[in-house]
Amino acid sequence: MKKRPFLLSLLLILACLPTACGHTAPNETTIKMEAMRFQQDEIAVTAGQPVTLRLVNRDDYAHAFDLDDFDIHLQLAAKETAEVSFTPTQSGTFTFYCGSPGHEAAGMVGSITVLP
């Protein structure tokens, strides 16, 4: 009888650990686009695990998100939010950029590092 309260307490503590530590899923990232910049311009994920990128265009004009190595090309209208998911299989560092004319040249670039 005494084991039940202990077991229940242990299960509750374990269930709350990810929330208490502020963790989200390890390969989920929000990238905000604002003032000709990616606010999150360096991302690290793990190979072989699904990745979800939530793209938020906070500007009053269109942007794009291009990650050529993974054949990802999205157009985002002003104030639009989109999500893209993929599973990287190779490790390395890959460049993403805004493919809207002139935006990459203005510095709208970032990198995603895929860890083994």
Protein backbone atom coordinates (compact mmCIF):
# COMPACT_ATOMS: atom_id res chain seq x y z
CA MET A 1 0.00 0.00 0.00
CA LYS A 2 2.80 2.45 0.78
CA LYS A 3 4.39 1.98 -2.66
CA ARG A 4 1.44 3.49 -4.51
CA PRO A 5 1.79 7.11 -3.29
CA PHE A 6 5.53 6.99 -3.99
CA LEU A 7 5.00 5.57 -7.47
CA LEU A 8 2.32 8.12 -8.28
CA SER A 9 4.53 10.98 -7.07
CA LEU A 10 7.46 9.70 -9.12
CA LEU A 11 5.34 9.47 -12.27
CA LEU A 12 4.02 13.01 -11.78
CA ILE A 13 7.54 14.38 -11.32
CA LEU A 14 8.82 12.60 -14.43
CA ALA A 15 5.86 13.82 -16.48
CA CYS A 16 6.54 17.43 -15.46
CA LEU A 17 10.30 17.47 -16.08
CA PRO A 18 10.20 18.55 -19.76
CA THR A 19 7.78 21.37 -18.92
CA ALA A 20 9.72 22.51 -15.88
CA CYS A 21 12.93 22.69 -17.85
CA GLY A 22 11.29 24.74 -20.61
CA HIS A 23 11.93 22.11 -23.30
CA THR A 24 10.01 21.76 -26.50
CA ALA A 25 10.61 18.95 -28.93
CA PRO A 26 14.36 18.94 -29.69
CA ASN A 27 14.04 19.60 -33.41
CA GLU A 28 11.33 22.28 -33.38
CA THR A 29 12.37 25.87 -33.98
CA THR A 30 10.60 29.15 -34.68
CA ILE A 31 12.34 31.47 -37.13
CA LYS A 32 11.06 35.04 -37.18
CA MET A 33 11.65 37.18 -40.26
CA GLU A 34 11.83 40.86 -39.46
CA ALA A 35 13.68 43.94 -40.72
CA MET A 36 15.49 41.98 -43.46
CA ARG A 37 16.89 39.48 -40.95
CA PHE A 38 16.18 36.01 -39.64
CA GLN A 39 15.92 36.57 -35.90
CA GLN A 40 17.04 32.95 -35.33
CA ASP A 41 19.86 32.59 -37.85
CA GLU A 42 21.76 29.65 -36.33
CA ILE A 43 19.92 26.40 -35.68
CA ALA A 44 21.16 23.00 -34.53
CA VAL A 45 19.18 19.78 -35.05
CA THR A 46 19.90 16.05 -34.96
CA ALA A 47 20.26 13.84 -38.03
CA GLY A 48 17.64 11.16 -38.46
CA GLN A 49 15.04 13.00 -36.39
CA PRO A 50 12.12 14.96 -37.87
CA VAL A 51 12.59 18.74 -37.87
CA THR A 52 9.77 21.27 -37.85
CA LEU A 53 10.53 24.90 -38.65
CA ARG A 54 7.83 27.45 -37.87
CA LEU A 55 8.43 30.50 -40.06
CA VAL A 56 6.91 33.81 -38.97
CA ASN A 57 7.03 36.80 -41.31
CA ARG A 58 6.59 39.82 -39.05
CA ASP A 59 7.12 42.36 -41.85
CA ASP A 60 4.57 44.17 -44.00
CA TYR A 61 6.15 42.71 -47.15
CA ALA A 62 6.81 39.23 -48.52
CA HIS A 63 9.78 37.02 -47.68
CA ALA A 64 10.91 33.56 -48.73
CA PHE A 65 12.63 30.70 -46.95
CA ASP A 66 15.02 28.67 -49.06
CA LEU A 67 17.10 25.72 -47.87
CA ASP A 68 18.47 24.33 -51.12
CA ASP A 69 20.22 21.27 -49.68
CA PHE A 70 16.87 19.92 -48.48
CA ASP A 71 14.86 21.21 -51.48
CA ILE A 72 12.77 23.53 -49.29
CA HIS A 73 11.44 26.71 -50.92
CA LEU A 74 8.57 28.63 -49.31
CA GLN A 75 7.06 32.02 -50.12
CA LEU A 76 5.54 33.93 -47.19
CA ALA A 77 3.23 36.85 -47.73
CA ALA A 78 3.30 39.83 -45.36
CA LYS A 79 2.48 38.79 -41.77
CA GLU A 80 2.13 35.12 -42.82
CA THR A 81 3.18 32.10 -40.73
CA ALA A 82 4.04 28.71 -42.22
CA GLU A 83 5.53 25.42 -41.07
CA VAL A 84 7.79 23.01 -42.89
CA SER A 85 8.92 19.58 -41.73
CA PHE A 86 11.73 17.38 -42.99
CA THR A 87 14.12 14.73 -41.71
CA PRO A 88 17.82 15.41 -42.35
CA THR A 89 19.86 12.28 -42.99
CA GLN A 90 23.31 13.81 -43.38
CA SER A 91 25.25 15.84 -40.85
CA GLY A 92 26.88 19.16 -41.70
CA THR A 93 26.14 22.86 -41.85
CA PHE A 94 23.70 24.12 -44.46
CA THR A 95 22.77 27.67 -45.48
CA PHE A 96 19.23 29.00 -45.61
CA TYR A 97 18.32 32.38 -47.09
CA CYS A 98 15.49 34.60 -48.22
CA GLY A 99 15.08 34.16 -51.96
CA SER A 100 13.10 37.39 -52.43
CA PRO A 101 15.05 39.70 -54.75
CA GLY A 102 17.77 41.56 -52.87
CA HIS A 103 17.04 40.07 -49.45
CA GLU A 104 19.92 37.58 -49.37
CA ALA A 105 22.36 40.29 -50.49
CA ALA A 106 21.02 42.49 -47.66
CA GLY A 107 22.08 39.82 -45.15
CA MET A 108 18.99 37.68 -44.80
CA VAL A 109 20.86 34.39 -44.39
CA GLY A 110 21.35 31.77 -41.70
CA SER A 111 22.61 28.26 -41.13
CA ILE A 112 21.28 24.98 -39.87
CA THR A 113 23.76 22.55 -38.36
CA VAL A 114 22.74 18.91 -38.46
CA LEU A 115 24.49 16.98 -35.70
CA PRO A 116 25.15 13.23 -36.04
